[in-house]
Amino acid sequence: MNFELTEEQRQIWQWAKEFADQEIAPVAAINDQDSKFDFDLLKKIADQGFFGAILPEEYGGQGIDHISYALMTEEIARVCSSTRTLFSVQISLVEKPIWYFGTEEQKKNYLPRLATGEIIGCFGLTEPNAGSDAGNQQTMATPDGDYYVLNGQKTWISNGCISQVALIIAQTDKSKGHKGMCAFLVETDTPGFSTREIKPKLGLRASITSELFLDNVRVHKSQMLGNPGEGFKVAMYCLDQGRFSVAAGSVGVSQACIDISTRYAMEREAFGQKIGEFQMLQQLIADMAADCEAGRFLVLHAADLKDKGVRNTRETSMAKLFCAEAAIRASNSAVQIFGGYGFSEEYPAARYYRDARVLNLYEGTSQIHRLIIAQDELGIRPANGPGSPMTPLDRLSPRVPLPARI
């Protein structure tokens, strides 16, 4: 078991850290305060080649591994969760499913343009009545010759109002349940497609969160992603990728809370000494640091499995659950350490606190991830699928066979 990063991974990590500190950090608080999506920053990210990070070179990408991608995501989230949302939605929820499920024509048409930031994408799964119950899709795709006609509404869609292509999950036959769902690549200038921005929001104020409306949107059958009836499969794949990036971003939020808290604790004085010298405050710092380090290893473990081609739904759920909850605890502790100043928007603790709160809601609530993990442990529903290969940690510690269920 090797916990050492390669030299290339370290260089990518440093590259992302320097960019985050020099280009994102100086505008993060201002953009958040003004609820402003920063198109200039989008262009800088695109010019760096960040959007193509994980795609192979043949589609205009950088071809980096998932460990490097996780570290990049962490660094961006460390300074701005709103920017991390733009970055990880583009890669995890749009590029990766097209790369995995797309036809060669779809890949050549979309991936190079997504990699350069020429176009932005979004993922349309959540609906007003279909959040955690992702199979309860009400958006309908009705066959009409060589086309499908889409009607429905999506909500809480990151990047929606600025996207040129939307990956839409729709139902073609309600009698088939999730087996009747299909995925479509819908260009947002198609007649009948419209958006509305959702604001104001508690956090992620500098990112675009949208509703999508589909009113008799005609989509050619060649725009279907995957095969007919594979929409739920596509959606679950997308969630696996999105959960991974949220977990990595959560580590960045935890690290940011540690950074600002330790710096403040060694500057602020009370009762004639630095507040960082008080043991009760040190307990908060220690818990934050232990959580952050544990979360980072969970993310890197899931990343390693992805790079090895091993199914990792279980490991990704564990990472997402733990890291999201850890980031919320860390942001709460940061506000506590800053005291009254933590309650002021003048200091960064308040922004991290607001941004962290969504982490255990989207890409699967903490309750959903606990279900996934618990049902896997109980043998009710293997998270990584029946007959899936054991992970390296499983091989080191074989499980005792479960008794037959009654």
Protein backbone atom coordinates (compact mmCIF):
# COMPACT_ATOMS: atom_id res chain seq x y z
CA MET A 1 0.00 0.00 0.00
CA ASN A 2 1.68 3.19 -1.22
CA PHE A 3 0.51 6.51 0.19
CA GLU A 4 3.11 8.57 -1.67
CA LEU A 5 2.04 10.87 -4.50
CA THR A 6 3.99 10.71 -7.73
CA GLU A 7 6.01 13.72 -8.79
CA GLU A 8 3.47 14.46 -11.51
CA GLN A 9 0.61 14.37 -9.00
CA ARG A 10 2.49 16.75 -6.71
CA GLN A 11 3.12 19.13 -9.58
CA ILE A 12 -0.56 19.13 -10.57
CA TRP A 13 -1.54 19.72 -6.94
CA GLN A 14 0.86 22.68 -6.75
CA TRP A 15 -0.37 24.01 -10.11
CA ALA A 16 -3.97 23.99 -8.85
CA LYS A 17 -2.98 25.52 -5.50
CA GLU A 18 -1.11 28.41 -7.11
CA PHE A 19 -3.94 29.13 -9.53
CA ALA A 20 -6.51 29.01 -6.72
CA ASP A 21 -4.50 31.39 -4.53
CA GLN A 22 -3.60 33.83 -7.29
CA GLU A 23 -6.76 33.94 -9.42
CA ILE A 24 -9.74 32.61 -7.44
CA ALA A 25 -9.09 33.65 -3.84
CA PRO A 26 -8.83 37.44 -4.51
CA VAL A 27 -12.35 37.58 -6.02
CA ALA A 28 -14.12 34.81 -4.07
CA ALA A 29 -15.54 36.94 -1.23
CA ILE A 30 -16.57 39.79 -3.55
CA ASN A 31 -18.35 37.47 -5.98
CA ASP A 32 -20.11 35.78 -3.06
CA GLN A 33 -21.19 39.07 -1.54
CA ASP A 34 -22.53 40.29 -4.89
CA SER A 35 -24.04 36.88 -5.84
CA LYS A 36 -22.08 37.29 -9.06
CA PHE A 37 -21.12 34.55 -11.46
CA ASP A 38 -17.64 35.50 -12.69
CA PHE A 39 -17.34 34.97 -16.45
CA ASP A 40 -13.78 36.37 -16.44
CA LEU A 41 -12.80 33.69 -13.94
CA LEU A 42 -14.48 31.04 -16.09
CA LYS A 43 -12.27 32.11 -19.00
CA LYS A 44 -9.13 31.94 -16.84
CA ILE A 45 -10.03 28.42 -15.73
CA ALA A 46 -10.64 27.42 -19.33
CA ASP A 47 -7.37 28.99 -20.50
CA GLN A 48 -5.49 26.91 -17.92
CA GLY A 49 -6.94 23.74 -19.43
CA PHE A 50 -8.64 22.81 -16.15
CA PHE A 51 -11.93 21.82 -17.78
CA GLY A 52 -10.17 19.17 -19.82
CA ALA A 53 -8.21 17.85 -16.87
CA ILE A 54 -9.38 14.26 -16.85
CA LEU A 55 -10.27 13.74 -20.52
CA PRO A 56 -7.80 11.93 -22.80
CA GLU A 57 -5.71 14.01 -25.17
CA GLU A 58 -7.60 12.72 -28.22
CA TYR A 59 -10.63 14.70 -27.01
CA GLY A 60 -8.67 17.81 -26.08
CA GLY A 61 -7.98 16.89 -22.48
CA GLN A 62 -4.96 16.71 -20.18
CA GLY A 63 -5.30 13.00 -19.43
CA ILE A 64 -4.63 13.26 -15.68
CA ASP A 65 -5.65 10.56 -13.21
CA HIS A 66 -8.43 10.70 -10.63
CA ILE A 67 -6.02 11.27 -7.75
CA SER A 68 -4.77 14.44 -9.43
CA TYR A 69 -8.35 15.46 -10.24
CA ALA A 70 -9.31 15.06 -6.58
CA LEU A 71 -6.40 17.23 -5.48
CA MET A 72 -7.31 19.90 -8.04
CA THR A 73 -10.91 19.87 -6.86
CA GLU A 74 -9.80 20.16 -3.24
CA GLU A 75 -7.63 23.20 -3.95
CA ILE A 76 -10.35 25.04 -5.86
CA ALA A 77 -12.89 24.36 -3.09
CA ARG A 78 -10.39 25.51 -0.48
CA VAL A 79 -10.77 29.07 -1.75
CA CYS A 80 -14.24 29.02 -3.34
CA SER A 81 -16.96 26.35 -3.30
CA SER A 82 -18.92 28.21 -5.97
CA THR A 83 -16.03 27.91 -8.41
CA ARG A 84 -15.55 24.27 -7.44
CA THR A 85 -19.18 23.66 -8.41
CA LEU A 86 -18.63 25.05 -11.91
CA PHE A 87 -15.45 23.00 -12.32
CA SER A 88 -16.69 19.65 -11.04
CA VAL A 89 -20.13 19.76 -12.72
CA GLN A 90 -18.45 20.35 -16.07
CA ILE A 91 -16.14 17.36 -15.61
CA SER A 92 -17.94 14.86 -13.39
CA LEU A 93 -21.56 15.32 -14.46
CA VAL A 94 -21.18 16.15 -18.15
CA GLU A 95 -17.81 15.22 -19.65
CA LYS A 96 -17.33 11.88 -17.92
CA PRO A 97 -20.77 10.42 -18.81
CA ILE A 98 -20.36 11.52 -22.44
CA TRP A 99 -16.90 9.94 -22.47
CA TYR A 100 -18.24 6.71 -20.91
CA PHE A 101 -21.64 6.32 -22.65
CA GLY A 102 -21.34 8.49 -25.74
CA THR A 103 -21.02 7.44 -29.35
CA GLU A 104 -17.85 8.45 -31.11
CA GLU A 105 -19.79 11.16 -32.91
CA GLN A 106 -21.10 12.55 -29.59
CA LYS A 107 -17.63 12.47 -28.05
CA LYS A 108 -16.02 14.30 -30.97
CA ASN A 109 -18.82 16.84 -31.09
CA TYR A 110 -18.96 17.77 -27.41
CA LEU A 111 -15.85 16.76 -25.48
CA PRO A 112 -13.24 19.00 -27.16
CA ARG A 113 -15.52 22.03 -26.75
CA LEU A 114 -16.30 21.17 -23.13
CA ALA A 115 -12.57 20.65 -22.45
CA THR A 116 -11.71 24.14 -23.67
CA GLY A 117 -14.67 25.82 -21.99
CA GLU A 118 -16.08 26.85 -25.38
CA ILE A 119 -19.32 25.37 -24.11
CA ILE A 120 -20.56 24.71 -20.57
CA GLY A 121 -22.73 21.77 -19.58
CA CYS A 122 -25.23 20.89 -16.87
CA PHE A 123 -26.90 17.72 -15.59
CA GLY A 124 -30.69 17.63 -15.34
CA LEU A 125 -31.89 14.90 -13.00
CA THR A 126 -33.52 16.56 -9.97
CA GLU A 127 -37.17 17.59 -10.29
CA PRO A 128 -39.61 19.27 -7.89
CA ASN A 129 -40.89 15.81 -6.90
CA ALA A 130 -37.80 13.71 -7.68
CA GLY A 131 -34.80 14.45 -5.47
CA SER A 132 -33.53 11.49 -3.48
CA ASP A 133 -36.19 9.41 -5.29
CA ALA A 134 -34.35 9.76 -8.59
CA GLY A 135 -36.43 7.05 -10.26
CA ASN A 136 -39.61 9.13 -9.92
CA GLN A 137 -38.97 11.15 -13.07
CA GLN A 138 -41.95 13.15 -14.37
CA THR A 139 -40.16 14.66 -17.37
CA MET A 140 -41.45 12.72 -20.37
CA ALA A 141 -39.74 11.90 -23.67
CA THR A 142 -42.36 10.90 -26.24
CA PRO A 143 -41.15 9.16 -29.43
CA ASP A 144 -42.05 10.98 -32.65
CA GLY A 145 -40.43 9.40 -35.70
CA ASP A 146 -36.70 10.11 -35.58
CA TYR A 147 -37.21 12.46 -32.66
CA TYR A 148 -38.24 12.49 -29.01
CA VAL A 149 -40.39 15.32 -27.68
CA LEU A 150 -39.40 16.31 -24.14
CA ASN A 151 -41.73 17.96 -21.65
CA GLY A 152 -41.00 18.60 -17.99
CA GLN A 153 -39.15 20.63 -15.40
CA LYS A 154 -35.82 20.25 -13.62
CA THR A 155 -34.70 22.13 -10.53
CA TRP A 156 -31.56 22.84 -8.49
CA ILE A 157 -29.44 22.46 -11.62
CA SER A 158 -25.91 23.87 -11.27
CA ASN A 159 -24.64 25.79 -14.34
CA GLY A 160 -28.12 25.61 -15.90
CA CYS A 161 -28.54 29.20 -17.08
CA ILE A 162 -25.06 29.39 -18.61
CA SER A 163 -25.00 25.97 -20.30
CA GLN A 164 -25.03 25.25 -24.00
CA VAL A 165 -25.72 21.54 -23.51
CA ALA A 166 -27.80 19.80 -20.86
CA LEU A 167 -27.72 16.11 -20.02
CA ILE A 168 -31.42 15.45 -19.37
CA ILE A 169 -32.87 12.33 -17.77
CA ALA A 170 -36.44 11.62 -18.89
CA GLN A 171 -39.04 8.88 -18.75
CA THR A 172 -40.25 7.26 -21.97
CA ASP A 173 -42.62 4.71 -20.45
CA LYS A 174 -43.85 5.10 -16.87
CA SER A 175 -45.11 1.52 -16.78
CA LYS A 176 -41.48 0.35 -16.98
CA GLY A 177 -40.36 2.40 -13.98
CA HIS A 178 -36.65 3.18 -13.97
CA LYS A 179 -36.16 0.78 -16.90
CA GLY A 180 -38.12 3.18 -19.08
CA MET A 181 -35.78 6.11 -18.45
CA CYS A 182 -33.45 7.53 -21.12
CA ALA A 183 -30.71 10.16 -21.17
CA PHE A 184 -30.49 12.90 -23.80
CA LEU A 185 -27.96 15.55 -24.75
CA VAL A 186 -30.12 18.61 -25.27
CA GLU A 187 -28.65 21.77 -26.75
CA THR A 188 -30.09 24.65 -24.79
CA ASP A 189 -30.85 26.82 -27.83
CA THR A 190 -33.39 24.21 -28.96
CA PRO A 191 -36.88 25.77 -29.24
CA GLY A 192 -38.92 25.14 -26.11
CA PHE A 193 -35.92 24.97 -23.75
CA SER A 194 -35.76 27.76 -21.15
CA THR A 195 -34.18 28.43 -17.75
CA ARG A 196 -34.68 30.50 -14.62
CA GLU A 197 -32.02 31.25 -12.02
CA ILE A 198 -32.80 30.30 -8.41
CA LYS A 199 -31.87 33.09 -6.00
CA PRO A 200 -31.24 34.20 -3.34
CA LYS A 201 -29.52 31.17 -1.78
CA LEU A 202 -27.98 30.44 1.60
CA GLY A 203 -24.63 29.54 0.07
CA LEU A 204 -22.83 28.98 -3.24
CA ARG A 205 -23.97 32.47 -4.12
CA ALA A 206 -21.37 32.93 -6.85
CA SER A 207 -22.51 29.84 -8.74
CA ILE A 208 -25.48 29.56 -11.06
CA THR A 209 -28.32 27.36 -9.79
CA SER A 210 -31.28 27.01 -12.11
CA GLU A 211 -34.62 25.59 -13.05
CA LEU A 212 -34.89 24.07 -16.52
CA PHE A 213 -38.15 24.04 -18.47
CA LEU A 214 -38.77 21.75 -21.43
CA ASP A 215 -41.84 22.61 -23.47
CA ASN A 216 -42.18 20.32 -26.51
CA VAL A 217 -38.41 20.24 -26.99
CA ARG A 218 -37.64 18.08 -30.05
CA VAL A 219 -34.43 16.07 -29.75
CA HIS A 220 -33.15 13.76 -32.49
CA LYS A 221 -32.72 10.15 -31.46
CA SER A 222 -29.00 10.47 -32.23
CA GLN A 223 -28.81 12.72 -29.16
CA MET A 224 -29.71 9.89 -26.81
CA LEU A 225 -26.81 9.13 -24.47
CA GLY A 226 -26.47 5.39 -24.02
CA ASN A 227 -29.10 2.92 -25.14
CA PRO A 228 -32.88 3.11 -24.76
CA GLY A 229 -33.83 2.29 -21.18
CA GLU A 230 -30.37 3.11 -19.81
CA GLY A 231 -31.28 6.53 -18.46
CA PHE A 232 -31.28 5.40 -14.84
CA LYS A 233 -27.93 3.69 -15.36
CA VAL A 234 -26.52 6.91 -16.83
CA ALA A 235 -27.95 8.91 -13.92
CA MET A 236 -26.40 6.60 -11.31
CA TYR A 237 -23.04 6.78 -13.09
CA CYS A 238 -23.27 10.58 -13.05
CA LEU A 239 -24.06 10.58 -9.34
CA ASP A 240 -21.06 8.35 -8.61
CA GLN A 241 -18.83 10.88 -10.38
CA GLY A 242 -20.51 13.91 -8.84
CA ARG A 243 -20.34 12.46 -5.33
CA PHE A 244 -16.63 11.90 -5.75
CA SER A 245 -16.01 15.54 -6.68
CA VAL A 246 -18.22 16.81 -3.84
CA ALA A 247 -16.24 14.65 -1.41
CA ALA A 248 -12.97 16.10 -2.70
CA GLY A 249 -14.39 19.61 -2.52
CA SER A 250 -15.53 18.98 1.04
CA VAL A 251 -11.94 18.20 2.01
CA GLY A 252 -11.00 21.59 0.56
CA VAL A 253 -13.60 23.33 2.73
CA SER A 254 -12.31 21.51 5.82
CA GLN A 255 -8.75 22.52 4.99
CA ALA A 256 -9.80 26.13 4.50
CA CYS A 257 -11.48 26.16 7.91
CA ILE A 258 -8.32 24.78 9.51
CA ASP A 259 -6.17 27.38 7.74
CA ILE A 260 -8.21 30.41 8.80
CA SER A 261 -8.81 29.07 12.31
CA THR A 262 -5.18 28.30 13.15
CA ARG A 263 -4.03 31.63 11.79
CA TYR A 264 -6.65 33.54 13.77
CA ALA A 265 -6.06 31.50 16.94
CA MET A 266 -2.39 32.49 16.97
CA GLU A 267 -3.16 36.17 16.37
CA ARG A 268 -6.13 36.79 18.67
CA GLU A 269 -5.40 37.29 22.36
CA ALA A 270 -7.66 36.90 25.38
CA PHE A 271 -6.87 36.79 29.08
CA GLY A 272 -3.26 37.73 28.31
CA GLN A 273 -2.45 34.90 25.85
CA LYS A 274 -3.10 33.62 22.35
CA ILE A 275 -6.48 31.92 22.21
CA GLY A 276 -4.77 29.02 20.42
CA GLU A 277 -3.07 28.21 23.71
CA PHE A 278 -6.37 27.34 25.37
CA GLN A 279 -6.95 23.60 25.46
CA MET A 280 -10.67 23.73 24.66
CA LEU A 281 -9.90 25.60 21.46
CA GLN A 282 -7.09 23.16 20.69
CA GLN A 283 -9.65 20.35 20.85
CA LEU A 284 -11.62 22.01 18.05
CA ILE A 285 -8.47 22.35 15.94
CA ALA A 286 -7.44 18.74 16.59
CA ASP A 287 -10.85 17.37 15.60
CA MET A 288 -10.87 19.46 12.43
CA ALA A 289 -7.40 18.26 11.45
CA ALA A 290 -8.15 14.58 12.12
CA ASP A 291 -11.42 14.78 10.16
CA CYS A 292 -9.73 16.51 7.23
CA GLU A 293 -6.91 13.98 7.01
CA ALA A 294 -9.27 11.01 7.29
CA GLY A 295 -11.52 12.48 4.62
CA ARG A 296 -8.63 13.10 2.27
CA PHE A 297 -7.56 9.45 2.53
CA LEU A 298 -11.13 8.28 1.86
CA VAL A 299 -11.23 10.41 -1.28
CA LEU A 300 -7.82 9.25 -2.47
CA HIS A 301 -8.80 5.62 -1.86
CA ALA A 302 -11.89 6.06 -4.07
CA ALA A 303 -9.73 7.85 -6.65
CA ASP A 304 -7.23 4.99 -6.67
CA LEU A 305 -10.04 2.49 -7.32
CA LYS A 306 -11.32 4.64 -10.19
CA ASP A 307 -7.86 4.71 -11.73
CA LYS A 308 -7.68 0.91 -11.43
CA GLY A 309 -11.07 0.48 -13.07
CA VAL A 310 -12.63 -1.04 -9.94
CA ARG A 311 -16.25 -0.21 -9.19
CA ASN A 312 -16.30 2.13 -6.17
CA THR A 313 -19.88 3.16 -5.38
CA ARG A 314 -19.44 1.98 -1.78
CA GLU A 315 -16.12 3.75 -1.26
CA THR A 316 -17.33 6.94 -2.96
CA SER A 317 -20.46 6.98 -0.77
CA MET A 318 -18.30 6.62 2.32
CA ALA A 319 -16.06 9.46 1.18
CA LYS A 320 -18.98 11.72 0.32
CA LEU A 321 -20.80 11.02 3.59
CA PHE A 322 -17.79 11.50 5.83
CA CYS A 323 -16.22 14.45 4.05
CA ALA A 324 -19.46 16.42 3.74
CA GLU A 325 -20.29 15.95 7.42
CA ALA A 326 -16.69 16.77 8.36
CA ALA A 327 -16.77 20.01 6.36
CA ILE A 328 -19.97 21.08 8.12
CA ARG A 329 -18.38 20.33 11.52
CA ALA A 330 -15.21 22.19 10.52
CA SER A 331 -17.09 25.27 9.35
CA ASN A 332 -19.13 25.30 12.55
CA SER A 333 -15.92 25.08 14.60
CA ALA A 334 -14.35 27.88 12.56
CA VAL A 335 -17.27 30.20 13.37
CA GLN A 336 -16.91 29.23 17.04
CA ILE A 337 -13.18 29.99 17.05
CA PHE A 338 -13.75 33.39 15.45
CA GLY A 339 -16.44 34.14 18.04
CA GLY A 340 -18.51 37.20 17.24
CA TYR A 341 -16.36 37.88 14.18
CA GLY A 342 -17.36 34.48 12.83
CA PHE A 343 -20.92 35.79 12.66
CA SER A 344 -19.80 38.65 10.40
CA GLU A 345 -19.56 38.46 6.62
CA GLU A 346 -16.41 40.54 6.95
CA TYR A 347 -14.52 37.34 7.81
CA PRO A 348 -14.33 34.15 5.68
CA ALA A 349 -15.69 31.79 8.36
CA ALA A 350 -19.26 32.85 7.60
CA ARG A 351 -18.90 32.09 3.87
CA TYR A 352 -17.42 28.67 4.52
CA TYR A 353 -20.22 27.97 7.00
CA ARG A 354 -22.92 28.88 4.47
CA ASP A 355 -21.27 27.06 1.58
CA ALA A 356 -20.68 23.90 3.59
CA ARG A 357 -24.32 23.42 4.48
CA VAL A 358 -25.30 22.13 1.04
CA LEU A 359 -22.61 19.45 0.98
CA ASN A 360 -24.70 16.82 2.74
CA LEU A 361 -27.77 17.63 0.64
CA TYR A 362 -26.83 17.40 -3.04
CA GLU A 363 -25.40 14.41 -4.90
CA GLY A 364 -27.21 12.24 -2.37
CA THR A 365 -28.15 13.35 1.13
CA SER A 366 -26.25 11.92 4.07
CA GLN A 367 -29.28 9.75 4.79
CA ILE A 368 -29.16 8.24 1.29
CA HIS A 369 -25.45 7.49 1.63
CA ARG A 370 -26.02 5.84 5.00
CA LEU A 371 -28.62 3.63 3.33
CA ILE A 372 -26.21 2.69 0.55
CA ILE A 373 -23.46 1.84 3.02
CA ALA A 374 -25.68 0.03 5.52
CA GLN A 375 -27.43 -2.09 2.90
CA ASP A 376 -24.05 -3.07 1.51
CA GLU A 377 -22.79 -4.06 4.96
CA LEU A 378 -25.97 -6.03 5.68
CA GLY A 379 -25.81 -7.83 2.37
CA ILE A 380 -29.21 -6.48 1.34
CA ARG A 381 -27.93 -4.67 -1.76
CA PRO A 382 -24.22 -4.77 -2.71
CA ALA A 383 -23.27 -1.17 -3.49
CA ASN A 384 -20.68 -2.22 -6.06
CA GLY A 385 -23.03 -4.66 -7.74
CA PRO A 386 -23.36 -8.45 -7.50
CA GLY A 387 -20.14 -10.31 -8.17
CA SER A 388 -18.11 -7.10 -8.25
CA PRO A 389 -14.40 -7.53 -7.43
CA MET A 390 -13.35 -6.89 -3.86
CA THR A 391 -11.45 -3.73 -3.11
CA PRO A 392 -7.84 -3.94 -1.88
CA LEU A 393 -8.96 -3.27 1.70
CA ASP A 394 -11.54 -6.05 1.50
CA ARG A 395 -8.81 -8.50 0.48
CA LEU A 396 -6.76 -7.57 3.52
CA SER A 397 -9.69 -8.11 5.85
CA PRO A 398 -12.07 -10.78 4.49
CA ARG A 399 -15.59 -10.43 5.75
CA VAL A 400 -17.31 -13.14 7.75
CA PRO A 401 -20.15 -14.56 5.61
CA LEU A 402 -23.52 -13.19 6.65
CA PRO A 403 -26.19 -15.59 7.91
CA ALA A 404 -29.07 -16.28 5.56
CA ARG A 405 -31.80 -13.66 5.87
CA ILE A 406 -35.14 -14.91 7.18
